[in-house]
Amino acid sequence: PPQKITAKSLGVTSSADEPSKMYSRAYCLIDADSNRVLVSKEADTR
C-alpha cells in the first residue's frame, strides 16, 4: 500500500508566506538538485 510521510514526522517546522506584491508577469523558484517547483506564477506560460 502507499505510504505517507509528513514533514512533522521528520521534524520539519520551517514555513513562510509566499511572496507578495511581485512585479513579474511570470516567475518560478526551484530546488536546483531536483527541479522541484517551490513557488511559481504562470510558470508554464511561453
ModelCIF file with pLDDT and N, C-alpha, C, O atoms, coordinates in Angstrom:
data_MODEL
#
_entry.id   MODEL 
#
_entity.id                         1 
_entity.type                       polymer 
_entity.pdbx_number_of_molecules   1 
#
_entity_poly.entity_id                      1 
_entity_poly.type                           'polypeptide(L)' 
_entity_poly.nstd_linkage                   no 
_entity_poly.nstd_monomer                   no 
_entity_poly.pdbx_seq_one_letter_code       PPQKITAKSLGVTSSADEPSKMYSRAYCLIDADSNRVLVSKEADTR 
_entity_poly.pdbx_seq_one_letter_code_can   PPQKITAKSLGVTSSADEPSKMYSRAYCLIDADSNRVLVSKEADTR 
_entity_poly.pdbx_strand_id                 A 
#
loop_
_entity_poly_seq.entity_id 
_entity_poly_seq.num 
_entity_poly_seq.mon_id 
_entity_poly_seq.hetero 
1 1  PRO n 
1 2  PRO n 
1 3  GLN n 
1 4  LYS n 
1 5  ILE n 
1 6  THR n 
1 7  ALA n 
1 8  LYS n 
1 9  SER n 
1 10 LEU n 
1 11 GLY n 
1 12 VAL n 
1 13 THR n 
1 14 SER n 
1 15 SER n 
1 16 ALA n 
1 17 ASP n 
1 18 GLU n 
1 19 PRO n 
1 20 SER n 
1 21 LYS n 
1 22 MET n 
1 23 TYR n 
1 24 SER n 
1 25 ARG n 
1 26 ALA n 
1 27 TYR n 
1 28 CYS n 
1 29 LEU n 
1 30 ILE n 
1 31 ASP n 
1 32 ALA n 
1 33 ASP n 
1 34 SER n 
1 35 ASN n 
1 36 ARG n 
1 37 VAL n 
1 38 LEU n 
1 39 VAL n 
1 40 SER n 
1 41 LYS n 
1 42 GLU n 
1 43 ALA n 
1 44 ASP n 
1 45 THR n 
1 46 ARG n 
#
_struct_asym.id          A 
_struct_asym.entity_id   1 
#
loop_
_ma_qa_metric.id 
_ma_qa_metric.mode 
_ma_qa_metric.name 
_ma_qa_metric.software_group_id 
_ma_qa_metric.type 
1 global pLDDT . pLDDT 
2 local  pLDDT . pLDDT 
#
_ma_qa_metric_global.metric_id      1 
_ma_qa_metric_global.metric_value   94.93 
_ma_qa_metric_global.model_id       1 
_ma_qa_metric_global.ordinal_id     1 
#
loop_
_ma_qa_metric_local.label_asym_id 
_ma_qa_metric_local.label_comp_id 
_ma_qa_metric_local.label_seq_id 
_ma_qa_metric_local.metric_id 
_ma_qa_metric_local.metric_value 
_ma_qa_metric_local.model_id 
_ma_qa_metric_local.ordinal_id 
A PRO 1  2 87.00 1 1  
A PRO 2  2 89.00 1 2  
A GLN 3  2 89.00 1 3  
A LYS 4  2 91.00 1 4  
A ILE 5  2 91.00 1 5  
A THR 6  2 93.00 1 6  
A ALA 7  2 92.00 1 7  
A LYS 8  2 91.00 1 8  
A SER 9  2 91.00 1 9  
A LEU 10 2 91.00 1 10 
A GLY 11 2 91.00 1 11 
A VAL 12 2 93.00 1 12 
A THR 13 2 93.00 1 13 
A SER 14 2 93.00 1 14 
A SER 15 2 93.00 1 15 
A ALA 16 2 94.00 1 16 
A ASP 17 2 94.00 1 17 
A GLU 18 2 95.00 1 18 
A PRO 19 2 96.00 1 19 
A SER 20 2 95.00 1 20 
A LYS 21 2 95.00 1 21 
A MET 22 2 97.00 1 22 
A TYR 23 2 97.00 1 23 
A SER 24 2 98.00 1 24 
A ARG 25 2 98.00 1 25 
A ALA 26 2 98.00 1 26 
A TYR 27 2 98.00 1 27 
A CYS 28 2 98.00 1 28 
A LEU 29 2 98.00 1 29 
A ILE 30 2 98.00 1 30 
A ASP 31 2 97.00 1 31 
A ALA 32 2 97.00 1 32 
A ASP 33 2 94.00 1 33 
A SER 34 2 93.00 1 34 
A ASN 35 2 96.00 1 35 
A ARG 36 2 96.00 1 36 
A VAL 37 2 97.00 1 37 
A LEU 38 2 97.00 1 38 
A VAL 39 2 98.00 1 39 
A SER 40 2 97.00 1 40 
A LYS 41 2 98.00 1 41 
A GLU 42 2 98.00 1 42 
A ALA 43 2 98.00 1 43 
A ASP 44 2 98.00 1 44 
A THR 45 2 98.00 1 45 
A ARG 46 2 98.00 1 46 
#
loop_
_atom_site.group_PDB 
_atom_site.id 
_atom_site.type_symbol 
_atom_site.label_atom_id 
_atom_site.label_alt_id 
_atom_site.label_comp_id 
_atom_site.label_asym_id 
_atom_site.label_entity_id 
_atom_site.label_seq_id 
_atom_site.pdbx_PDB_ins_code 
_atom_site.Cartn_x 
_atom_site.Cartn_y 
_atom_site.Cartn_z 
_atom_site.occupancy 
_atom_site.B_iso_or_equiv 
_atom_site.pdbx_formal_charge 
_atom_site.auth_seq_id 
_atom_site.auth_comp_id 
_atom_site.auth_asym_id 
_atom_site.auth_atom_id 
_atom_site.pdbx_PDB_model_num 
ATOM 1   N N  . PRO A 1 1  ? 0.842  -1.211 0.000   1.00 87.00 ? 1  PRO A N  1 
ATOM 2   C CA . PRO A 1 1  ? 0.000  0.000  0.000   1.00 87.00 ? 1  PRO A CA 1 
ATOM 3   C C  . PRO A 1 1  ? 0.870  1.251  0.000   1.00 87.00 ? 1  PRO A C  1 
ATOM 4   O O  . PRO A 1 1  ? 2.016  1.201  0.447   1.00 87.00 ? 1  PRO A O  1 
ATOM 5   N N  . PRO A 1 2  ? 0.344  2.381  -0.496  1.00 89.00 ? 2  PRO A N  1 
ATOM 6   C CA . PRO A 1 2  ? 1.105  3.642  -0.454  1.00 89.00 ? 2  PRO A CA 1 
ATOM 7   C C  . PRO A 1 2  ? 1.432  4.017  0.989   1.00 89.00 ? 2  PRO A C  1 
ATOM 8   O O  . PRO A 1 2  ? 0.662  3.736  1.907   1.00 89.00 ? 2  PRO A O  1 
ATOM 9   N N  . GLN A 1 3  ? 2.571  4.648  1.169   1.00 89.00 ? 3  GLN A N  1 
ATOM 10  C CA . GLN A 1 3  ? 2.983  5.128  2.489   1.00 89.00 ? 3  GLN A CA 1 
ATOM 11  C C  . GLN A 1 3  ? 2.991  6.638  2.494   1.00 89.00 ? 3  GLN A C  1 
ATOM 12  O O  . GLN A 1 3  ? 3.381  7.260  1.506   1.00 89.00 ? 3  GLN A O  1 
ATOM 13  N N  . LYS A 1 4  ? 2.570  7.233  3.582   1.00 91.00 ? 4  LYS A N  1 
ATOM 14  C CA . LYS A 1 4  ? 2.580  8.688  3.706   1.00 91.00 ? 4  LYS A CA 1 
ATOM 15  C C  . LYS A 1 4  ? 3.561  9.111  4.791   1.00 91.00 ? 4  LYS A C  1 
ATOM 16  O O  . LYS A 1 4  ? 3.578  8.559  5.891   1.00 91.00 ? 4  LYS A O  1 
ATOM 17  N N  . ILE A 1 5  ? 4.376  10.103 4.454   1.00 91.00 ? 5  ILE A N  1 
ATOM 18  C CA . ILE A 1 5  ? 5.368  10.632 5.385   1.00 91.00 ? 5  ILE A CA 1 
ATOM 19  C C  . ILE A 1 5  ? 5.116  12.124 5.520   1.00 91.00 ? 5  ILE A C  1 
ATOM 20  O O  . ILE A 1 5  ? 5.210  12.856 4.534   1.00 91.00 ? 5  ILE A O  1 
ATOM 21  N N  . THR A 1 6  ? 4.800  12.581 6.707   1.00 93.00 ? 6  THR A N  1 
ATOM 22  C CA . THR A 1 6  ? 4.546  14.009 6.919   1.00 93.00 ? 6  THR A CA 1 
ATOM 23  C C  . THR A 1 6  ? 5.835  14.729 7.299   1.00 93.00 ? 6  THR A C  1 
ATOM 24  O O  . THR A 1 6  ? 6.746  14.147 7.886   1.00 93.00 ? 6  THR A O  1 
ATOM 25  N N  . ALA A 1 7  ? 5.883  15.999 6.951   1.00 92.00 ? 7  ALA A N  1 
ATOM 26  C CA . ALA A 1 7  ? 7.045  16.801 7.326   1.00 92.00 ? 7  ALA A CA 1 
ATOM 27  C C  . ALA A 1 7  ? 7.192  16.847 8.851   1.00 92.00 ? 7  ALA A C  1 
ATOM 28  O O  . ALA A 1 7  ? 8.304  16.864 9.380   1.00 92.00 ? 7  ALA A O  1 
ATOM 29  N N  . LYS A 1 8  ? 6.065  16.868 9.534   1.00 91.00 ? 8  LYS A N  1 
ATOM 30  C CA . LYS A 1 8  ? 6.089  16.923 11.000  1.00 91.00 ? 8  LYS A CA 1 
ATOM 31  C C  . LYS A 1 8  ? 6.791  15.705 11.584  1.00 91.00 ? 8  LYS A C  1 
ATOM 32  O O  . LYS A 1 8  ? 7.549  15.812 12.548  1.00 91.00 ? 8  LYS A O  1 
ATOM 33  N N  . SER A 1 9  ? 6.526  14.526 10.976  1.00 91.00 ? 9  SER A N  1 
ATOM 34  C CA . SER A 1 9  ? 7.150  13.295 11.486  1.00 91.00 ? 9  SER A CA 1 
ATOM 35  C C  . SER A 1 9  ? 8.657  13.307 11.294  1.00 91.00 ? 9  SER A C  1 
ATOM 36  O O  . SER A 1 9  ? 9.371  12.551 11.952  1.00 91.00 ? 9  SER A O  1 
ATOM 37  N N  . LEU A 1 10 ? 9.145  14.151 10.405  1.00 91.00 ? 10 LEU A N  1 
ATOM 38  C CA . LEU A 1 10 ? 10.584 14.266 10.147  1.00 91.00 ? 10 LEU A CA 1 
ATOM 39  C C  . LEU A 1 10 ? 11.208 15.438 10.900  1.00 91.00 ? 10 LEU A C  1 
ATOM 40  O O  . LEU A 1 10 ? 12.397 15.725 10.758  1.00 91.00 ? 10 LEU A O  1 
ATOM 41  N N  . GLY A 1 11 ? 10.388 16.102 11.695  1.00 91.00 ? 11 GLY A N  1 
ATOM 42  C CA . GLY A 1 11 ? 10.897 17.213 12.493  1.00 91.00 ? 11 GLY A CA 1 
ATOM 43  C C  . GLY A 1 11 ? 11.009 18.525 11.741  1.00 91.00 ? 11 GLY A C  1 
ATOM 44  O O  . GLY A 1 11 ? 11.712 19.430 12.191  1.00 91.00 ? 11 GLY A O  1 
ATOM 45  N N  . VAL A 1 12 ? 10.334 18.652 10.603  1.00 93.00 ? 12 VAL A N  1 
ATOM 46  C CA . VAL A 1 12 ? 10.393 19.880 9.804   1.00 93.00 ? 12 VAL A CA 1 
ATOM 47  C C  . VAL A 1 12 ? 9.373  20.878 10.323  1.00 93.00 ? 12 VAL A C  1 
ATOM 48  O O  . VAL A 1 12 ? 8.186  20.564 10.408  1.00 93.00 ? 12 VAL A O  1 
ATOM 49  N N  . THR A 1 13 ? 9.816  22.060 10.667  1.00 93.00 ? 13 THR A N  1 
ATOM 50  C CA . THR A 1 13 ? 8.923  23.096 11.194  1.00 93.00 ? 13 THR A CA 1 
ATOM 51  C C  . THR A 1 13 ? 8.999  24.394 10.399  1.00 93.00 ? 13 THR A C  1 
ATOM 52  O O  . THR A 1 13 ? 8.293  25.350 10.722  1.00 93.00 ? 13 THR A O  1 
ATOM 53  N N  . SER A 1 14 ? 9.835  24.451 9.369   1.00 93.00 ? 14 SER A N  1 
ATOM 54  C CA . SER A 1 14 ? 10.032 25.689 8.625   1.00 93.00 ? 14 SER A CA 1 
ATOM 55  C C  . SER A 1 14 ? 8.796  26.053 7.807   1.00 93.00 ? 14 SER A C  1 
ATOM 56  O O  . SER A 1 14 ? 8.106  25.181 7.280   1.00 93.00 ? 14 SER A O  1 
ATOM 57  N N  . SER A 1 15 ? 8.529  27.353 7.709   1.00 93.00 ? 15 SER A N  1 
ATOM 58  C CA . SER A 1 15 ? 7.411  27.841 6.903   1.00 93.00 ? 15 SER A CA 1 
ATOM 59  C C  . SER A 1 15 ? 7.607  29.326 6.628   1.00 93.00 ? 15 SER A C  1 
ATOM 60  O O  . SER A 1 15 ? 8.396  29.993 7.298   1.00 93.00 ? 15 SER A O  1 
ATOM 61  N N  . ALA A 1 16 ? 6.886  29.834 5.642   1.00 94.00 ? 16 ALA A N  1 
ATOM 62  C CA . ALA A 1 16 ? 6.930  31.261 5.308   1.00 94.00 ? 16 ALA A CA 1 
ATOM 63  C C  . ALA A 1 16 ? 5.758  31.572 4.395   1.00 94.00 ? 16 ALA A C  1 
ATOM 64  O O  . ALA A 1 16 ? 5.269  30.691 3.687   1.00 94.00 ? 16 ALA A O  1 
ATOM 65  N N  . ASP A 1 17 ? 5.314  32.799 4.405   1.00 94.00 ? 17 ASP A N  1 
ATOM 66  C CA . ASP A 1 17 ? 4.265  33.227 3.489   1.00 94.00 ? 17 ASP A CA 1 
ATOM 67  C C  . ASP A 1 17 ? 4.848  33.372 2.093   1.00 94.00 ? 17 ASP A C  1 
ATOM 68  O O  . ASP A 1 17 ? 5.982  33.821 1.927   1.00 94.00 ? 17 ASP A O  1 
ATOM 69  N N  . GLU A 1 18 ? 4.066  32.989 1.092   1.00 95.00 ? 18 GLU A N  1 
ATOM 70  C CA . GLU A 1 18 ? 4.534  33.117 -0.285  1.00 95.00 ? 18 GLU A CA 1 
ATOM 71  C C  . GLU A 1 18 ? 4.750  34.580 -0.634  1.00 95.00 ? 18 GLU A C  1 
ATOM 72  O O  . GLU A 1 18 ? 4.082  35.452 -0.079  1.00 95.00 ? 18 GLU A O  1 
ATOM 73  N N  . PRO A 1 19 ? 5.685  34.866 -1.558  1.00 96.00 ? 19 PRO A N  1 
ATOM 74  C CA . PRO A 1 19 ? 5.982  36.255 -1.918  1.00 96.00 ? 19 PRO A CA 1 
ATOM 75  C C  . PRO A 1 19 ? 4.731  37.008 -2.376  1.00 96.00 ? 19 PRO A C  1 
ATOM 76  O O  . PRO A 1 19 ? 3.873  36.444 -3.055  1.00 96.00 ? 19 PRO A O  1 
ATOM 77  N N  . SER A 1 20 ? 4.638  38.257 -2.006  1.00 95.00 ? 20 SER A N  1 
ATOM 78  C CA . SER A 1 20 ? 3.511  39.095 -2.406  1.00 95.00 ? 20 SER A CA 1 
ATOM 79  C C  . SER A 1 20 ? 4.023  40.373 -3.071  1.00 95.00 ? 20 SER A C  1 
ATOM 80  O O  . SER A 1 20 ? 5.204  40.711 -2.982  1.00 95.00 ? 20 SER A O  1 
ATOM 81  N N  . LYS A 1 21 ? 3.121  41.060 -3.729  1.00 95.00 ? 21 LYS A N  1 
ATOM 82  C CA . LYS A 1 21 ? 3.440  42.320 -4.425  1.00 95.00 ? 21 LYS A CA 1 
ATOM 83  C C  . LYS A 1 21 ? 4.611  42.135 -5.386  1.00 95.00 ? 21 LYS A C  1 
ATOM 84  O O  . LYS A 1 21 ? 5.549  42.932 -5.420  1.00 95.00 ? 21 LYS A O  1 
ATOM 85  N N  . MET A 1 22 ? 4.526  41.056 -6.167  1.00 97.00 ? 22 MET A N  1 
ATOM 86  C CA . MET A 1 22 ? 5.549  40.780 -7.180  1.00 97.00 ? 22 MET A CA 1 
ATOM 87  C C  . MET A 1 22 ? 5.233  41.563 -8.456  1.00 97.00 ? 22 MET A C  1 
ATOM 88  O O  . MET A 1 22 ? 4.070  41.786 -8.792  1.00 97.00 ? 22 MET A O  1 
ATOM 89  N N  . TYR A 1 23 ? 6.279  41.970 -9.148  1.00 97.00 ? 23 TYR A N  1 
ATOM 90  C CA . TYR A 1 23 ? 6.100  42.744 -10.380 1.00 97.00 ? 23 TYR A CA 1 
ATOM 91  C C  . TYR A 1 23 ? 6.082  41.855 -11.631 1.00 97.00 ? 23 TYR A C  1 
ATOM 92  O O  . TYR A 1 23 ? 5.540  42.251 -12.663 1.00 97.00 ? 23 TYR A O  1 
ATOM 93  N N  . SER A 1 24 ? 6.660  40.685 -11.543 1.00 98.00 ? 24 SER A N  1 
ATOM 94  C CA . SER A 1 24 ? 6.828  39.826 -12.715 1.00 98.00 ? 24 SER A CA 1 
ATOM 95  C C  . SER A 1 24 ? 5.489  39.299 -13.212 1.00 98.00 ? 24 SER A C  1 
ATOM 96  O O  . SER A 1 24 ? 4.605  38.968 -12.422 1.00 98.00 ? 24 SER A O  1 
ATOM 97  N N  . ARG A 1 25 ? 5.351  39.226 -14.536 1.00 98.00 ? 25 ARG A N  1 
ATOM 98  C CA . ARG A 1 25 ? 4.186  38.540 -15.083 1.00 98.00 ? 25 ARG A CA 1 
ATOM 99  C C  . ARG A 1 25 ? 4.261  37.043 -14.768 1.00 98.00 ? 25 ARG A C  1 
ATOM 100 O O  . ARG A 1 25 ? 3.254  36.423 -14.424 1.00 98.00 ? 25 ARG A O  1 
ATOM 101 N N  . ALA A 1 26 ? 5.468  36.467 -14.888 1.00 98.00 ? 26 ALA A N  1 
ATOM 102 C CA . ALA A 1 26 ? 5.684  35.044 -14.606 1.00 98.00 ? 26 ALA A CA 1 
ATOM 103 C C  . ALA A 1 26 ? 6.952  34.897 -13.795 1.00 98.00 ? 26 ALA A C  1 
ATOM 104 O O  . ALA A 1 26 ? 7.952  35.567 -14.052 1.00 98.00 ? 26 ALA A O  1 
ATOM 105 N N  . TYR A 1 27 ? 6.900  34.009 -12.809 1.00 98.00 ? 27 TYR A N  1 
ATOM 106 C CA . TYR A 1 27 ? 8.105  33.749 -12.017 1.00 98.00 ? 27 TYR A CA 1 
ATOM 107 C C  . TYR A 1 27 ? 8.092  32.310 -11.520 1.00 98.00 ? 27 TYR A C  1 
ATOM 108 O O  . TYR A 1 27 ? 7.060  31.639 -11.520 1.00 98.00 ? 27 TYR A O  1 
ATOM 109 N N  . CYS A 1 28 ? 9.273  31.854 -11.095 1.00 98.00 ? 28 CYS A N  1 
ATOM 110 C CA . CYS A 1 28 ? 9.394  30.484 -10.613 1.00 98.00 ? 28 CYS A CA 1 
ATOM 111 C C  . CYS A 1 28 ? 10.620 30.375 -9.720  1.00 98.00 ? 28 CYS A C  1 
ATOM 112 O O  . CYS A 1 28 ? 11.618 31.066 -9.925  1.00 98.00 ? 28 CYS A O  1 
ATOM 113 N N  . LEU A 1 29 ? 10.533 29.500 -8.732  1.00 98.00 ? 29 LEU A N  1 
ATOM 114 C CA . LEU A 1 29 ? 11.664 29.182 -7.857  1.00 98.00 ? 29 LEU A CA 1 
ATOM 115 C C  . LEU A 1 29 ? 11.735 27.671 -7.751  1.00 98.00 ? 29 LEU A C  1 
ATOM 116 O O  . LEU A 1 29 ? 10.732 27.027 -7.443  1.00 98.00 ? 29 LEU A O  1 
ATOM 117 N N  . ILE A 1 30 ? 12.906 27.095 -8.002  1.00 98.00 ? 30 ILE A N  1 
ATOM 118 C CA . ILE A 1 30 ? 13.051 25.641 -7.926  1.00 98.00 ? 30 ILE A CA 1 
ATOM 119 C C  . ILE A 1 30 ? 14.239 25.253 -7.054  1.00 98.00 ? 30 ILE A C  1 
ATOM 120 O O  . ILE A 1 30 ? 15.160 26.037 -6.824  1.00 98.00 ? 30 ILE A O  1 
ATOM 121 N N  . ASP A 1 31 ? 14.179 24.018 -6.581  1.00 97.00 ? 31 ASP A N  1 
ATOM 122 C CA . ASP A 1 31 ? 15.324 23.372 -5.928  1.00 97.00 ? 31 ASP A CA 1 
ATOM 123 C C  . ASP A 1 31 ? 16.223 22.862 -7.053  1.00 97.00 ? 31 ASP A C  1 
ATOM 124 O O  . ASP A 1 31 ? 15.805 22.018 -7.846  1.00 97.00 ? 31 ASP A O  1 
ATOM 125 N N  . ALA A 1 32 ? 17.444 23.365 -7.126  1.00 97.00 ? 32 ALA A N  1 
ATOM 126 C CA . ALA A 1 32 ? 18.330 23.023 -8.243  1.00 97.00 ? 32 ALA A CA 1 
ATOM 127 C C  . ALA A 1 32 ? 18.696 21.552 -8.287  1.00 97.00 ? 32 ALA A C  1 
ATOM 128 O O  . ALA A 1 32 ? 19.041 21.042 -9.353  1.00 97.00 ? 32 ALA A O  1 
ATOM 129 N N  . ASP A 1 33 ? 18.629 20.853 -7.157  1.00 94.00 ? 33 ASP A N  1 
ATOM 130 C CA . ASP A 1 33 ? 19.009 19.441 -7.133  1.00 94.00 ? 33 ASP A CA 1 
ATOM 131 C C  . ASP A 1 33 ? 17.946 18.531 -7.738  1.00 94.00 ? 33 ASP A C  1 
ATOM 132 O O  . ASP A 1 33 ? 18.259 17.439 -8.212  1.00 94.00 ? 33 ASP A O  1 
ATOM 133 N N  . SER A 1 34 ? 16.700 18.974 -7.726  1.00 93.00 ? 34 SER A N  1 
ATOM 134 C CA . SER A 1 34 ? 15.614 18.115 -8.205  1.00 93.00 ? 34 SER A CA 1 
ATOM 135 C C  . SER A 1 34 ? 14.717 18.765 -9.245  1.00 93.00 ? 34 SER A C  1 
ATOM 136 O O  . SER A 1 34 ? 13.887 18.092 -9.856  1.00 93.00 ? 34 SER A O  1 
ATOM 137 N N  . ASN A 1 35 ? 14.877 20.082 -9.455  1.00 96.00 ? 35 ASN A N  1 
ATOM 138 C CA . ASN A 1 35 ? 13.995 20.871 -10.325 1.00 96.00 ? 35 ASN A CA 1 
ATOM 139 C C  . ASN A 1 35 ? 12.563 20.924 -9.797  1.00 96.00 ? 35 ASN A C  1 
ATOM 140 O O  . ASN A 1 35 ? 11.630 21.219 -10.544 1.00 96.00 ? 35 ASN A O  1 
ATOM 141 N N  . ARG A 1 36 ? 12.395 20.638 -8.515  1.00 96.00 ? 36 ARG A N  1 
ATOM 142 C CA . ARG A 1 36 ? 11.067 20.744 -7.912  1.00 96.00 ? 36 ARG A CA 1 
ATOM 143 C C  . ARG A 1 36 ? 10.677 22.213 -7.769  1.00 96.00 ? 36 ARG A C  1 
ATOM 144 O O  . ARG A 1 36 ? 11.474 23.030 -7.307  1.00 96.00 ? 36 ARG A O  1 
ATOM 145 N N  . VAL A 1 37 ? 9.452  22.544 -8.167  1.00 97.00 ? 37 VAL A N  1 
ATOM 146 C CA . VAL A 1 37 ? 8.943  23.909 -8.059  1.00 97.00 ? 37 VAL A CA 1 
ATOM 147 C C  . VAL A 1 37 ? 8.564  24.181 -6.606  1.00 97.00 ? 37 VAL A C  1 
ATOM 148 O O  . VAL A 1 37 ? 7.789  23.435 -6.007  1.00 97.00 ? 37 VAL A O  1 
ATOM 149 N N  . LEU A 1 38 ? 9.115  25.253 -6.047  1.00 97.00 ? 38 LEU A N  1 
ATOM 150 C CA . LEU A 1 38 ? 8.825  25.636 -4.666  1.00 97.00 ? 38 LEU A CA 1 
ATOM 151 C C  . LEU A 1 38 ? 7.746  26.710 -4.597  1.00 97.00 ? 38 LEU A C  1 
ATOM 152 O O  . LEU A 1 38 ? 6.946  26.734 -3.663  1.00 97.00 ? 38 LEU A O  1 
ATOM 153 N N  . VAL A 1 39 ? 7.728  27.581 -5.573  1.00 98.00 ? 39 VAL A N  1 
ATOM 154 C CA . VAL A 1 39 ? 6.674  28.592 -5.684  1.00 98.00 ? 39 VAL A CA 1 
ATOM 155 C C  . VAL A 1 39 ? 6.717  29.120 -7.116  1.00 98.00 ? 39 VAL A C  1 
ATOM 156 O O  . VAL A 1 39 ? 7.781  29.170 -7.733  1.00 98.00 ? 39 VAL A O  1 
ATOM 157 N N  . SER A 1 40 ? 5.554  29.514 -7.641  1.00 97.00 ? 40 SER A N  1 
ATOM 158 C CA . SER A 1 40 ? 5.543  29.971 -9.033  1.00 97.00 ? 40 SER A CA 1 
ATOM 159 C C  . SER A 1 40 ? 4.265  30.742 -9.351  1.00 97.00 ? 40 SER A C  1 
ATOM 160 O O  . SER A 1 40 ? 3.286  30.714 -8.605  1.00 97.00 ? 40 SER A O  1 
ATOM 161 N N  . LYS A 1 41 ? 4.317  31.423 -10.475 1.00 98.00 ? 41 LYS A N  1 
ATOM 162 C CA . LYS A 1 41 ? 3.142  32.087 -11.052 1.00 98.00 ? 41 LYS A CA 1 
ATOM 163 C C  . LYS A 1 41 ? 3.302  32.056 -12.570 1.00 98.00 ? 41 LYS A C  1 
ATOM 164 O O  . LYS A 1 41 ? 4.319  32.496 -13.106 1.00 98.00 ? 41 LYS A O  1 
ATOM 165 N N  . GLU A 1 42 ? 2.308  31.541 -13.243 1.00 98.00 ? 42 GLU A N  1 
ATOM 166 C CA . GLU A 1 42 ? 2.333  31.414 -14.713 1.00 98.00 ? 42 GLU A CA 1 
ATOM 167 C C  . GLU A 1 42 ? 3.657  30.801 -15.182 1.00 98.00 ? 42 GLU A C  1 
ATOM 168 O O  . GLU A 1 42 ? 4.234  31.225 -16.184 1.00 98.00 ? 42 GLU A O  1 
ATOM 169 N N  . ALA A 1 43 ? 4.119  29.801 -14.440 1.00 98.00 ? 43 ALA A N  1 
ATOM 170 C CA . ALA A 1 43 ? 5.444  29.235 -14.711 1.00 98.00 ? 43 ALA A CA 1 
ATOM 171 C C  . ALA A 1 43 ? 5.502  28.436 -16.000 1.00 98.00 ? 43 ALA A C  1 
ATOM 172 O O  . ALA A 1 43 ? 6.595  28.139 -16.482 1.00 98.00 ? 43 ALA A O  1 
ATOM 173 N N  . ASP A 1 44 ? 4.344  28.073 -16.582 1.00 98.00 ? 44 ASP A N  1 
ATOM 174 C CA . ASP A 1 44 ? 4.332  27.299 -17.818 1.00 98.00 ? 44 ASP A CA 1 
ATOM 175 C C  . ASP A 1 44 ? 3.886  28.124 -19.020 1.00 98.00 ? 44 ASP A C  1 
ATOM 176 O O  . ASP A 1 44 ? 3.627  27.565 -20.087 1.00 98.00 ? 44 ASP A O  1 
ATOM 177 N N  . THR A 1 45 ? 3.793  29.426 -18.868 1.00 98.00 ? 45 THR A N  1 
ATOM 178 C CA . THR A 1 45 ? 3.403  30.317 -19.971 1.00 98.00 ? 45 THR A CA 1 
ATOM 179 C C  . THR A 1 45 ? 4.619  30.628 -20.836 1.00 98.00 ? 45 THR A C  1 
ATOM 180 O O  . THR A 1 45 ? 5.658  31.049 -20.326 1.00 98.00 ? 45 THR A O  1 
ATOM 181 N N  . ARG A 1 46 ? 4.491  30.423 -22.129 1.00 98.00 ? 46 ARG A N  1 
ATOM 182 C CA . ARG A 1 46 ? 5.592  30.711 -23.049 1.00 98.00 ? 46 ARG A CA 1 
ATOM 183 C C  . ARG A 1 46 ? 5.746  32.215 -23.238 1.00 98.00 ? 46 ARG A C  1 
ATOM 184 O O  . ARG A 1 46 ? 6.623  32.658 -23.980 1.00 98.00 ? 46 ARG A O  1 
#
